[in-house]
Amino acid sequence: MRNLITIEPLTLLTTNMLKFRTLISAIKLNIFDVVQNVHDLKEIAGELELEIDPLERLLNALVSMELLEKNEDSYFNRPISTKFLVKTSEAYYGDFILMSEEGEDSWKELDKVIKTNSPVAGDNRARLARKSFTKAMHNNAQAPANDLSDLIDFSNRKHLIDIGGGSGAFSIILTNKYEGLKATVIEQPAVCKTVKEYVDKEGNKERINILAGDYFKVEFPVHDVALFGQIFHTNSDDQNKFLLEKVHEKMEEHGMVIITEFLLDEDKTGPLFSTLFNLNMLKGTKNGRTYTFSQIKSWLEDTGFKNIEKQHLVGPHTVITAYK
């Protein structure tokens, strides 16, 4: 049999784009929320106030994408949709998916970004302060934060500083599990109101403090754990080294630094998500990029940290730990 080269791999890449647009439309139309409780096609159409023909085409596509199941004229959420695409679920991921759509237009200009070596709209830190972005990051942080709480024992730790902590998801999950742990979430002033909303709703406000300020400028409190949760990829090498020096200066002896990132392989050609995210940082930030383990390890060693290790978390997330 001849080893034929076919167009199928390229067709699959194009199909992935169509699948993404279909998923976005289903989330916007509240398909998964309604199908969680209403299953008959006509009843779903009535609940959503949609005509049956276009709705049926969408539902059948979602069945083909393995997000719904179909039995005659009835539709049901698959477990993955019930867990991640129904708004009442604690693990809801829809805000992150919708945020991904916001960056779709800028991807169309990737060729221009590569030619000019400049982000699409400058270094847009204001975007990071929007509530929609913080909500999306809260979705994205749930799984790695829960995984981290199981992987590392914080029983003997007293004070965690959560640098650029977004919604405070890591601090909330870790302090909820470890009663002796307090946390300080350091975030931009524009984000702190949203952080407070999440802490009030999901956390323990007696043990989580919110410190408003630019993490490059604000004075870090004394701590025995410092967490950089998906922060390094926003910054340059020198900026990350500076942050590690700030942490080391205020860290108690035998303290621990924790870094979660989308690490590149040492030859920088994988994993796929990390290589694509590297392009995402190119088009959206002035200094951001994804890094290899050896790059981050060298910064930690130069700063004086020891016993540096990496472990896989859920999905594309990796955690690096080191000690003073």
C-alpha atoms as a PDB file:
ATOM      1  CA  MET A   1       0.000   0.000   0.000  1.00  0.00           C
ATOM      2  CA  ARG A   2       1.297   3.428  -0.936  1.00  0.00           C
ATOM      3  CA  ASN A   3       1.951   5.916   1.863  1.00  0.00           C
ATOM      4  CA  LEU A   4      -0.238   8.718   0.513  1.00  0.00           C
ATOM      5  CA  ILE A   5       0.016  12.301   1.635  1.00  0.00           C
ATOM      6  CA  THR A   6      -3.551  13.635   1.855  1.00  0.00           C
ATOM      7  CA  ILE A   7      -5.229  16.934   2.550  1.00  0.00           C
ATOM      8  CA  GLU A   8      -7.042  15.521   5.594  1.00  0.00           C
ATOM      9  CA  PRO A   9      -4.746  17.035   8.288  1.00  0.00           C
ATOM     10  CA  LEU A  10      -5.295  20.498   6.808  1.00  0.00           C
ATOM     11  CA  THR A  11      -9.040  19.902   6.609  1.00  0.00           C
ATOM     12  CA  LEU A  12      -9.052  18.972  10.293  1.00  0.00           C
ATOM     13  CA  LEU A  13      -7.333  22.266  11.168  1.00  0.00           C
ATOM     14  CA  THR A  14     -10.062  24.179   9.331  1.00  0.00           C
ATOM     15  CA  THR A  15     -12.741  22.053  11.013  1.00  0.00           C
ATOM     16  CA  ASN A  16     -11.319  22.967  14.432  1.00  0.00           C
ATOM     17  CA  MET A  17     -12.049  26.628  13.689  1.00  0.00           C
ATOM     18  CA  LEU A  18     -15.656  25.769  12.769  1.00  0.00           C
ATOM     19  CA  LYS A  19     -16.041  23.678  15.930  1.00  0.00           C
ATOM     20  CA  PHE A  20     -14.840  26.612  18.027  1.00  0.00           C
ATOM     21  CA  ARG A  21     -17.373  28.968  16.432  1.00  0.00           C
ATOM     22  CA  THR A  22     -20.136  26.397  16.982  1.00  0.00           C
ATOM     23  CA  LEU A  23     -19.224  26.044  20.674  1.00  0.00           C
ATOM     24  CA  ILE A  24     -19.191  29.825  21.130  1.00  0.00           C
ATOM     25  CA  SER A  25     -22.670  30.110  19.592  1.00  0.00           C
ATOM     26  CA  ALA A  26     -24.031  27.334  21.818  1.00  0.00           C
ATOM     27  CA  ILE A  27     -22.722  29.056  24.958  1.00  0.00           C
ATOM     28  CA  LYS A  28     -24.149  32.419  23.906  1.00  0.00           C
ATOM     29  CA  LEU A  29     -27.541  30.814  23.205  1.00  0.00           C
ATOM     30  CA  ASN A  30     -27.551  29.061  26.634  1.00  0.00           C
ATOM     31  CA  ILE A  31     -27.941  25.677  24.940  1.00  0.00           C
ATOM     32  CA  PHE A  32     -26.236  23.661  27.681  1.00  0.00           C
ATOM     33  CA  ASP A  33     -28.121  25.404  30.505  1.00  0.00           C
ATOM     34  CA  VAL A  34     -31.497  24.655  28.911  1.00  0.00           C
ATOM     35  CA  VAL A  35     -30.643  21.090  27.827  1.00  0.00           C
ATOM     36  CA  GLN A  36     -29.626  20.332  31.394  1.00  0.00           C
ATOM     37  CA  ASN A  37     -33.336  20.420  32.319  1.00  0.00           C
ATOM     38  CA  VAL A  38     -35.298  20.321  29.034  1.00  0.00           C
ATOM     39  CA  HIS A  39     -34.655  17.522  26.533  1.00  0.00           C
ATOM     40  CA  ASP A  40     -37.374  17.370  23.868  1.00  0.00           C
ATOM     41  CA  LEU A  41     -36.441  19.293  20.702  1.00  0.00           C
ATOM     42  CA  LYS A  42     -39.714  21.229  20.519  1.00  0.00           C
ATOM     43  CA  GLU A  43     -39.561  22.098  24.210  1.00  0.00           C
ATOM     44  CA  ILE A  44     -35.950  23.257  23.894  1.00  0.00           C
ATOM     45  CA  ALA A  45     -36.975  25.452  20.938  1.00  0.00           C
ATOM     46  CA  GLY A  46     -39.845  26.908  22.971  1.00  0.00           C
ATOM     47  CA  GLU A  47     -37.639  27.592  25.989  1.00  0.00           C
ATOM     48  CA  LEU A  48     -35.035  29.354  23.850  1.00  0.00           C
ATOM     49  CA  GLU A  49     -37.595  31.015  21.540  1.00  0.00           C
ATOM     50  CA  LEU A  50     -35.820  29.613  18.466  1.00  0.00           C
ATOM     51  CA  GLU A  51     -37.119  28.016  15.279  1.00  0.00           C
ATOM     52  CA  ILE A  52     -36.790  24.236  15.215  1.00  0.00           C
ATOM     53  CA  ASP A  53     -34.803  23.794  11.965  1.00  0.00           C
ATOM     54  CA  PRO A  54     -31.745  25.970  12.779  1.00  0.00           C
ATOM     55  CA  LEU A  55     -31.780  24.784  16.389  1.00  0.00           C
ATOM     56  CA  GLU A  56     -31.827  21.135  15.334  1.00  0.00           C
ATOM     57  CA  ARG A  57     -28.851  21.700  13.032  1.00  0.00           C
ATOM     58  CA  LEU A  58     -26.893  23.229  15.921  1.00  0.00           C
ATOM     59  CA  LEU A  59     -27.845  20.489  18.384  1.00  0.00           C
ATOM     60  CA  ASN A  60     -26.885  17.765  15.915  1.00  0.00           C
ATOM     61  CA  ALA A  61     -23.500  19.404  15.363  1.00  0.00           C
ATOM     62  CA  LEU A  62     -22.979  19.453  19.145  1.00  0.00           C
ATOM     63  CA  VAL A  63     -23.802  15.746  19.214  1.00  0.00           C
ATOM     64  CA  SER A  64     -21.137  15.168  16.539  1.00  0.00           C
ATOM     65  CA  MET A  65     -18.697  17.203  18.669  1.00  0.00           C
ATOM     66  CA  GLU A  66     -19.494  14.836  21.570  1.00  0.00           C
ATOM     67  CA  LEU A  67     -20.886  17.611  23.758  1.00  0.00           C
ATOM     68  CA  LEU A  68     -24.502  16.368  23.592  1.00  0.00           C
ATOM     69  CA  GLU A  69     -26.173  12.972  23.261  1.00  0.00           C
ATOM     70  CA  LYS A  70     -29.292  12.315  21.183  1.00  0.00           C
ATOM     71  CA  ASN A  71     -32.101   9.801  21.648  1.00  0.00           C
ATOM     72  CA  GLU A  72     -34.755  10.178  18.923  1.00  0.00           C
ATOM     73  CA  ASP A  73     -35.923  13.807  19.314  1.00  0.00           C
ATOM     74  CA  SER A  74     -34.411  14.313  22.777  1.00  0.00           C
ATOM     75  CA  TYR A  75     -31.020  15.806  23.629  1.00  0.00           C
ATOM     76  CA  PHE A  76     -28.911  15.464  26.768  1.00  0.00           C
ATOM     77  CA  ASN A  77     -25.697  17.042  28.019  1.00  0.00           C
ATOM     78  CA  ARG A  78     -22.695  14.776  28.092  1.00  0.00           C
ATOM     79  CA  PRO A  79     -20.810  14.752  31.454  1.00  0.00           C
ATOM     80  CA  ILE A  80     -18.152  17.158  30.148  1.00  0.00           C
ATOM     81  CA  SER A  81     -20.854  19.702  29.244  1.00  0.00           C
ATOM     82  CA  THR A  82     -22.680  19.295  32.552  1.00  0.00           C
ATOM     83  CA  LYS A  83     -19.451  19.925  34.452  1.00  0.00           C
ATOM     84  CA  PHE A  84     -17.889  22.737  32.419  1.00  0.00           C
ATOM     85  CA  LEU A  85     -20.586  24.366  30.246  1.00  0.00           C
ATOM     86  CA  VAL A  86     -23.587  24.735  32.591  1.00  0.00           C
ATOM     87  CA  LYS A  87     -23.420  28.096  34.352  1.00  0.00           C
ATOM     88  CA  THR A  88     -24.536  26.777  37.747  1.00  0.00           C
ATOM     89  CA  SER A  89     -21.605  24.333  37.898  1.00  0.00           C
ATOM     90  CA  GLU A  90     -18.747  25.251  40.243  1.00  0.00           C
ATOM     91  CA  ALA A  91     -16.353  24.185  37.471  1.00  0.00           C
ATOM     92  CA  TYR A  92     -18.005  26.385  34.788  1.00  0.00           C
ATOM     93  CA  TYR A  93     -15.526  27.175  31.995  1.00  0.00           C
ATOM     94  CA  GLY A  94     -17.713  29.192  29.654  1.00  0.00           C
ATOM     95  CA  ASP A  95     -16.343  32.614  30.617  1.00  0.00           C
ATOM     96  CA  PHE A  96     -12.855  31.514  29.604  1.00  0.00           C
ATOM     97  CA  ILE A  97     -14.127  30.184  26.259  1.00  0.00           C
ATOM     98  CA  LEU A  98     -15.993  33.429  25.563  1.00  0.00           C
ATOM     99  CA  MET A  99     -12.872  35.443  26.419  1.00  0.00           C
ATOM    100  CA  SER A 100     -10.956  33.398  23.855  1.00  0.00           C
ATOM    101  CA  GLU A 101     -13.372  34.712  21.226  1.00  0.00           C
ATOM    102  CA  GLU A 102     -12.372  38.290  22.089  1.00  0.00           C
ATOM    103  CA  GLY A 103      -8.856  37.643  20.857  1.00  0.00           C
ATOM    104  CA  GLU A 104      -9.974  36.082  17.595  1.00  0.00           C
ATOM    105  CA  ASP A 105      -9.697  39.297  15.547  1.00  0.00           C
ATOM    106  CA  SER A 106      -6.155  39.933  16.717  1.00  0.00           C
ATOM    107  CA  TRP A 107      -5.104  36.460  15.523  1.00  0.00           C
ATOM    108  CA  LYS A 108      -6.050  37.600  12.010  1.00  0.00           C
ATOM    109  CA  GLU A 109      -3.179  40.097  12.255  1.00  0.00           C
ATOM    110  CA  LEU A 110      -0.537  37.594  13.358  1.00  0.00           C
ATOM    111  CA  ASP A 111       1.402  37.962  10.090  1.00  0.00           C
ATOM    112  CA  LYS A 112       1.592  41.726  10.716  1.00  0.00           C
ATOM    113  CA  VAL A 113       2.699  41.170  14.320  1.00  0.00           C
ATOM    114  CA  ILE A 114       5.513  38.875  13.182  1.00  0.00           C
ATOM    115  CA  LYS A 115       6.634  41.345  10.496  1.00  0.00           C
ATOM    116  CA  THR A 116       6.707  44.304  12.908  1.00  0.00           C
ATOM    117  CA  ASN A 117       7.555  42.457  16.151  1.00  0.00           C
ATOM    118  CA  SER A 118       4.913  44.602  17.851  1.00  0.00           C
ATOM    119  CA  PRO A 119       1.676  43.596  19.614  1.00  0.00           C
ATOM    120  CA  VAL A 120      -1.602  44.299  17.851  1.00  0.00           C
ATOM    121  CA  ALA A 121      -2.768  47.120  20.134  1.00  0.00           C
ATOM    122  CA  GLY A 122       0.284  47.961  22.201  1.00  0.00           C
ATOM    123  CA  ASP A 123       0.938  46.472  25.632  1.00  0.00           C
ATOM    124  CA  ASN A 124      -2.679  46.422  26.772  1.00  0.00           C
ATOM    125  CA  ARG A 125      -2.499  45.979  30.564  1.00  0.00           C
ATOM    126  CA  ALA A 126      -5.932  47.618  30.842  1.00  0.00           C
ATOM    127  CA  ARG A 127      -7.420  44.493  29.255  1.00  0.00           C
ATOM    128  CA  LEU A 128      -6.087  42.431  32.156  1.00  0.00           C
ATOM    129  CA  ALA A 129      -8.022  44.621  34.582  1.00  0.00           C
ATOM    130  CA  ARG A 130     -11.421  44.086  32.964  1.00  0.00           C
ATOM    131  CA  LYS A 131     -13.969  42.125  34.961  1.00  0.00           C
ATOM    132  CA  SER A 132     -14.647  39.777  32.037  1.00  0.00           C
ATOM    133  CA  PHE A 133     -10.954  38.864  31.919  1.00  0.00           C
ATOM    134  CA  THR A 134     -10.837  38.243  35.681  1.00  0.00           C
ATOM    135  CA  LYS A 135     -13.963  36.035  35.455  1.00  0.00           C
ATOM    136  CA  ALA A 136     -12.348  34.045  32.651  1.00  0.00           C
ATOM    137  CA  MET A 137      -9.160  33.593  34.681  1.00  0.00           C
ATOM    138  CA  HIS A 138     -11.262  32.458  37.643  1.00  0.00           C
ATOM    139  CA  ASN A 139     -12.701  29.700  35.424  1.00  0.00           C
ATOM    140  CA  ASN A 140      -9.235  28.751  34.221  1.00  0.00           C
ATOM    141  CA  ALA A 141      -7.680  28.660  37.715  1.00  0.00           C
ATOM    142  CA  GLN A 142     -10.108  26.237  39.339  1.00  0.00           C
ATOM    143  CA  ALA A 143      -8.615  22.958  38.122  1.00  0.00           C
ATOM    144  CA  PRO A 144      -4.915  23.798  38.641  1.00  0.00           C
ATOM    145  CA  ALA A 145      -5.629  25.391  42.037  1.00  0.00           C
ATOM    146  CA  ASN A 146      -7.464  22.297  43.248  1.00  0.00           C
ATOM    147  CA  ASP A 147      -4.702  20.087  41.859  1.00  0.00           C
ATOM    148  CA  LEU A 148      -2.058  22.210  43.604  1.00  0.00           C
ATOM    149  CA  SER A 149      -3.921  21.967  46.929  1.00  0.00           C
ATOM    150  CA  ASP A 150      -3.614  18.169  46.714  1.00  0.00           C
ATOM    151  CA  LEU A 151      -0.058  18.068  45.365  1.00  0.00           C
ATOM    152  CA  ILE A 152       1.583  20.323  47.978  1.00  0.00           C
ATOM    153  CA  ASP A 153       1.015  20.160  51.732  1.00  0.00           C
ATOM    154  CA  PHE A 154       0.451  23.670  53.117  1.00  0.00           C
ATOM    155  CA  SER A 155      -0.344  22.476  56.651  1.00  0.00           C
ATOM    156  CA  ASN A 156       2.764  24.103  58.149  1.00  0.00           C
ATOM    157  CA  ARG A 157       2.645  27.269  56.068  1.00  0.00           C
ATOM    158  CA  LYS A 158       1.407  30.545  57.550  1.00  0.00           C
ATOM    159  CA  HIS A 159       1.262  33.322  54.955  1.00  0.00           C
ATOM    160  CA  LEU A 160       0.990  33.046  51.174  1.00  0.00           C
ATOM    161  CA  ILE A 161       1.376  36.053  48.897  1.00  0.00           C
ATOM    162  CA  ASP A 162      -0.534  35.573  45.631  1.00  0.00           C
ATOM    163  CA  ILE A 163       1.260  37.872  43.189  1.00  0.00           C
ATOM    164  CA  GLY A 164      -0.979  39.043  40.362  1.00  0.00           C
ATOM    165  CA  GLY A 165      -3.585  36.737  41.871  1.00  0.00           C
ATOM    166  CA  GLY A 166      -6.427  37.616  39.479  1.00  0.00           C
ATOM    167  CA  SER A 167      -9.731  36.622  41.056  1.00  0.00           C
ATOM    168  CA  GLY A 168      -7.952  35.171  44.096  1.00  0.00           C
ATOM    169  CA  ALA A 169      -8.929  31.633  43.065  1.00  0.00           C
ATOM    170  CA  PHE A 170      -5.697  30.023  44.281  1.00  0.00           C
ATOM    171  CA  SER A 171      -5.826  31.872  47.603  1.00  0.00           C
ATOM    172  CA  ILE A 172      -9.499  30.979  48.093  1.00  0.00           C
ATOM    173  CA  ILE A 173      -9.032  27.276  47.380  1.00  0.00           C
ATOM    174  CA  LEU A 174      -5.834  26.927  49.420  1.00  0.00           C
ATOM    175  CA  THR A 175      -7.083  28.823  52.498  1.00  0.00           C
ATOM    176  CA  ASN A 176     -10.396  26.957  52.390  1.00  0.00           C
ATOM    177  CA  LYS A 177      -8.496  23.669  52.581  1.00  0.00           C
ATOM    178  CA  TYR A 178      -5.718  24.680  55.012  1.00  0.00           C
ATOM    179  CA  GLU A 179      -7.131  26.410  58.095  1.00  0.00           C
ATOM    180  CA  GLY A 180      -3.763  27.671  59.349  1.00  0.00           C
ATOM    181  CA  LEU A 181      -2.936  29.460  56.096  1.00  0.00           C
ATOM    182  CA  LYS A 182      -3.528  33.153  55.442  1.00  0.00           C
ATOM    183  CA  ALA A 183      -3.135  34.806  52.043  1.00  0.00           C
ATOM    184  CA  THR A 184      -2.559  38.229  50.534  1.00  0.00           C
ATOM    185  CA  VAL A 185      -3.751  38.730  46.964  1.00  0.00           C
ATOM    186  CA  ILE A 186      -1.713  41.433  45.203  1.00  0.00           C
ATOM    187  CA  GLU A 187      -3.544  42.910  42.217  1.00  0.00           C
ATOM    188  CA  GLN A 188      -4.128  46.076  40.217  1.00  0.00           C
ATOM    189  CA  PRO A 189      -6.544  48.474  41.972  1.00  0.00           C
ATOM    190  CA  ALA A 190      -9.083  48.060  39.145  1.00  0.00           C
ATOM    191  CA  VAL A 191      -9.208  44.298  39.780  1.00  0.00           C
ATOM    192  CA  CYS A 192      -9.493  44.392  43.580  1.00  0.00           C
ATOM    193  CA  LYS A 193     -13.259  44.977  43.658  1.00  0.00           C
ATOM    194  CA  THR A 194     -13.768  41.775  41.675  1.00  0.00           C
ATOM    195  CA  VAL A 195     -11.332  39.918  43.940  1.00  0.00           C
ATOM    196  CA  LYS A 196     -13.376  41.024  46.959  1.00  0.00           C
ATOM    197  CA  GLU A 197     -16.577  39.760  45.343  1.00  0.00           C
ATOM    198  CA  TYR A 198     -15.061  36.294  44.853  1.00  0.00           C
ATOM    199  CA  VAL A 199     -13.555  36.220  48.351  1.00  0.00           C
ATOM    200  CA  ASP A 200     -16.888  37.231  49.906  1.00  0.00           C
ATOM    201  CA  LYS A 201     -18.747  34.616  47.871  1.00  0.00           C
ATOM    202  CA  GLU A 202     -16.365  31.639  47.948  1.00  0.00           C
ATOM    203  CA  GLY A 203     -13.630  32.296  50.493  1.00  0.00           C
ATOM    204  CA  ASN A 204     -12.842  33.305  54.060  1.00  0.00           C
ATOM    205  CA  LYS A 205     -12.444  37.081  54.202  1.00  0.00           C
ATOM    206  CA  GLU A 206     -10.928  36.827  57.683  1.00  0.00           C
ATOM    207  CA  ARG A 207      -7.907  35.009  56.234  1.00  0.00           C
ATOM    208  CA  ILE A 208      -7.542  36.632  52.808  1.00  0.00           C
ATOM    209  CA  ASN A 209      -6.197  40.167  52.541  1.00  0.00           C
ATOM    210  CA  ILE A 210      -6.279  42.166  49.308  1.00  0.00           C
ATOM    211  CA  LEU A 211      -3.329  44.456  48.540  1.00  0.00           C
ATOM    212  CA  ALA A 212      -3.948  46.927  45.709  1.00  0.00           C
ATOM    213  CA  GLY A 213      -0.970  47.937  43.615  1.00  0.00           C
ATOM    214  CA  ASP A 214       1.423  47.238  40.772  1.00  0.00           C
ATOM    215  CA  TYR A 215       3.383  44.132  41.768  1.00  0.00           C
ATOM    216  CA  PHE A 216       6.558  45.701  40.390  1.00  0.00           C
ATOM    217  CA  LYS A 217       6.203  48.676  42.761  1.00  0.00           C
ATOM    218  CA  VAL A 218       4.215  47.615  45.841  1.00  0.00           C
ATOM    219  CA  GLU A 219       6.150  46.410  48.898  1.00  0.00           C
ATOM    220  CA  PHE A 220       5.620  42.703  49.480  1.00  0.00           C
ATOM    221  CA  PRO A 221       4.679  41.623  53.013  1.00  0.00           C
ATOM    222  CA  VAL A 222       6.753  39.078  54.926  1.00  0.00           C
ATOM    223  CA  HIS A 223       5.667  35.576  53.880  1.00  0.00           C
ATOM    224  CA  ASP A 224       6.682  31.928  53.836  1.00  0.00           C
ATOM    225  CA  VAL A 225       5.006  31.077  50.491  1.00  0.00           C
ATOM    226  CA  ALA A 226       5.031  33.138  47.287  1.00  0.00           C
ATOM    227  CA  LEU A 227       2.813  32.141  44.385  1.00  0.00           C
ATOM    228  CA  PHE A 228       3.156  33.269  40.779  1.00  0.00           C
ATOM    229  CA  GLY A 229       0.080  31.778  39.120  1.00  0.00           C
ATOM    230  CA  GLN A 230       0.514  32.181  35.345  1.00  0.00           C
ATOM    231  CA  ILE A 231       2.342  35.500  35.793  1.00  0.00           C
ATOM    232  CA  PHE A 232       5.779  34.958  34.276  1.00  0.00           C
ATOM    233  CA  HIS A 233       4.500  34.623  30.702  1.00  0.00           C
ATOM    234  CA  THR A 234       3.293  38.239  30.861  1.00  0.00           C
ATOM    235  CA  ASN A 235       6.772  39.569  31.655  1.00  0.00           C
ATOM    236  CA  SER A 236      10.303  39.720  30.275  1.00  0.00           C
ATOM    237  CA  ASP A 237      13.239  37.737  31.684  1.00  0.00           C
ATOM    238  CA  ASP A 238      14.531  40.762  33.611  1.00  0.00           C
ATOM    239  CA  GLN A 239      11.092  41.591  35.027  1.00  0.00           C
ATOM    240  CA  ASN A 240      10.675  38.036  36.328  1.00  0.00           C
ATOM    241  CA  LYS A 241      14.163  38.059  37.864  1.00  0.00           C
ATOM    242  CA  PHE A 242      13.274  41.335  39.592  1.00  0.00           C
ATOM    243  CA  LEU A 243      10.079  39.822  41.033  1.00  0.00           C
ATOM    244  CA  LEU A 244      11.968  36.788  42.330  1.00  0.00           C
ATOM    245  CA  GLU A 245      14.472  39.065  44.052  1.00  0.00           C
ATOM    246  CA  LYS A 246      11.605  40.985  45.691  1.00  0.00           C
ATOM    247  CA  VAL A 247      10.093  37.722  46.900  1.00  0.00           C
ATOM    248  CA  HIS A 248      13.409  36.363  48.199  1.00  0.00           C
ATOM    249  CA  GLU A 249      14.078  39.535  50.195  1.00  0.00           C
ATOM    250  CA  LYS A 250      10.793  39.312  52.140  1.00  0.00           C
ATOM    251  CA  MET A 251      10.579  35.520  52.394  1.00  0.00           C
ATOM    252  CA  GLU A 252      11.187  33.766  55.702  1.00  0.00           C
ATOM    253  CA  GLU A 253      13.941  31.168  55.911  1.00  0.00           C
ATOM    254  CA  HIS A 254      12.874  27.801  54.406  1.00  0.00           C
ATOM    255  CA  GLY A 255      10.088  29.581  52.565  1.00  0.00           C
ATOM    256  CA  MET A 256       8.759  28.258  49.272  1.00  0.00           C
ATOM    257  CA  VAL A 257       8.138  29.880  45.893  1.00  0.00           C
ATOM    258  CA  ILE A 258       5.547  28.319  43.572  1.00  0.00           C
ATOM    259  CA  ILE A 259       5.350  29.106  39.862  1.00  0.00           C
ATOM    260  CA  THR A 260       2.640  27.745  37.570  1.00  0.00           C
ATOM    261  CA  GLU A 261       3.202  28.156  33.848  1.00  0.00           C
ATOM    262  CA  PHE A 262       2.581  26.792  30.351  1.00  0.00           C
ATOM    263  CA  LEU A 263       6.149  25.535  29.955  1.00  0.00           C
ATOM    264  CA  LEU A 264       7.835  24.995  26.610  1.00  0.00           C
ATOM    265  CA  ASP A 265       9.940  21.922  25.929  1.00  0.00           C
ATOM    266  CA  GLU A 266      13.657  22.661  25.924  1.00  0.00           C
ATOM    267  CA  ASP A 267      13.767  22.822  22.101  1.00  0.00           C
ATOM    268  CA  LYS A 268      10.694  25.129  22.191  1.00  0.00           C
ATOM    269  CA  THR A 269       8.730  23.090  19.616  1.00  0.00           C
ATOM    270  CA  GLY A 270       6.143  21.758  22.075  1.00  0.00           C
ATOM    271  CA  PRO A 271       3.805  21.156  23.732  1.00  0.00           C
ATOM    272  CA  LEU A 272       1.398  22.475  21.097  1.00  0.00           C
ATOM    273  CA  PHE A 273      -0.589  24.657  23.518  1.00  0.00           C
ATOM    274  CA  SER A 274       2.558  26.331  24.855  1.00  0.00           C
ATOM    275  CA  THR A 275       3.885  27.105  21.361  1.00  0.00           C
ATOM    276  CA  LEU A 276       0.564  28.654  20.356  1.00  0.00           C
ATOM    277  CA  PHE A 277       0.346  30.561  23.643  1.00  0.00           C
ATOM    278  CA  ASN A 278       3.819  31.913  22.911  1.00  0.00           C
ATOM    279  CA  LEU A 279       2.359  33.493  19.757  1.00  0.00           C
ATOM    280  CA  ASN A 280      -0.590  34.753  21.798  1.00  0.00           C
ATOM    281  CA  MET A 281       1.819  36.615  24.083  1.00  0.00           C
ATOM    282  CA  LEU A 282       3.652  38.013  21.046  1.00  0.00           C
ATOM    283  CA  LYS A 283       0.485  39.542  19.600  1.00  0.00           C
ATOM    284  CA  GLY A 284      -0.908  40.779  22.905  1.00  0.00           C
ATOM    285  CA  THR A 285       1.980  41.992  25.079  1.00  0.00           C
ATOM    286  CA  LYS A 286       5.173  43.990  24.818  1.00  0.00           C
ATOM    287  CA  ASN A 287       7.379  41.616  26.832  1.00  0.00           C
ATOM    288  CA  GLY A 288       5.411  38.390  27.326  1.00  0.00           C
ATOM    289  CA  ARG A 289       6.379  34.907  26.148  1.00  0.00           C
ATOM    290  CA  THR A 290       6.328  31.300  27.313  1.00  0.00           C
ATOM    291  CA  TYR A 291       9.503  29.906  28.888  1.00  0.00           C
ATOM    292  CA  THR A 292      11.331  26.611  29.320  1.00  0.00           C
ATOM    293  CA  PHE A 293      11.980  24.995  32.684  1.00  0.00           C
ATOM    294  CA  SER A 294      15.731  25.593  32.354  1.00  0.00           C
ATOM    295  CA  GLN A 295      15.186  29.327  31.835  1.00  0.00           C
ATOM    296  CA  ILE A 296      13.076  29.699  34.980  1.00  0.00           C
ATOM    297  CA  LYS A 297      15.382  27.374  36.928  1.00  0.00           C
ATOM    298  CA  SER A 298      18.368  29.600  36.100  1.00  0.00           C
ATOM    299  CA  TRP A 299      16.551  32.685  37.450  1.00  0.00           C
ATOM    300  CA  LEU A 300      15.696  30.850  40.658  1.00  0.00           C
ATOM    301  CA  GLU A 301      19.282  29.664  41.122  1.00  0.00           C
ATOM    302  CA  ASP A 302      20.692  33.138  40.463  1.00  0.00           C
ATOM    303  CA  THR A 303      18.311  34.538  43.095  1.00  0.00           C
ATOM    304  CA  GLY A 304      19.411  31.997  45.704  1.00  0.00           C
ATOM    305  CA  PHE A 305      16.578  29.455  45.646  1.00  0.00           C
ATOM    306  CA  LYS A 306      17.363  25.749  45.987  1.00  0.00           C
ATOM    307  CA  ASN A 307      15.752  22.310  45.564  1.00  0.00           C
ATOM    308  CA  ILE A 308      14.078  23.348  42.317  1.00  0.00           C
ATOM    309  CA  GLU A 309      11.590  20.856  40.907  1.00  0.00           C
ATOM    310  CA  LYS A 310       8.776  20.765  38.358  1.00  0.00           C
ATOM    311  CA  GLN A 311       5.609  18.656  38.361  1.00  0.00           C
ATOM    312  CA  HIS A 312       2.691  18.397  35.971  1.00  0.00           C
ATOM    313  CA  LEU A 313      -0.641  19.812  37.048  1.00  0.00           C
ATOM    314  CA  VAL A 314      -3.882  19.419  35.123  1.00  0.00           C
ATOM    315  CA  GLY A 315      -4.030  20.138  31.375  1.00  0.00           C
ATOM    316  CA  PRO A 316      -1.240  22.409  30.052  1.00  0.00           C
ATOM    317  CA  HIS A 317      -0.299  23.648  33.545  1.00  0.00           C
ATOM    318  CA  THR A 318       3.061  22.838  35.146  1.00  0.00           C
ATOM    319  CA  VAL A 319       4.163  23.817  38.662  1.00  0.00           C
ATOM    320  CA  ILE A 320       7.719  24.680  39.654  1.00  0.00           C
ATOM    321  CA  THR A 321       8.673  24.755  43.340  1.00  0.00           C
ATOM    322  CA  ALA A 322      11.838  26.055  45.007  1.00  0.00           C
ATOM    323  CA  TYR A 323      12.970  26.905  48.540  1.00  0.00           C
ATOM    324  CA  LYS A 324      14.954  29.607  50.312  1.00  0.00           C
END
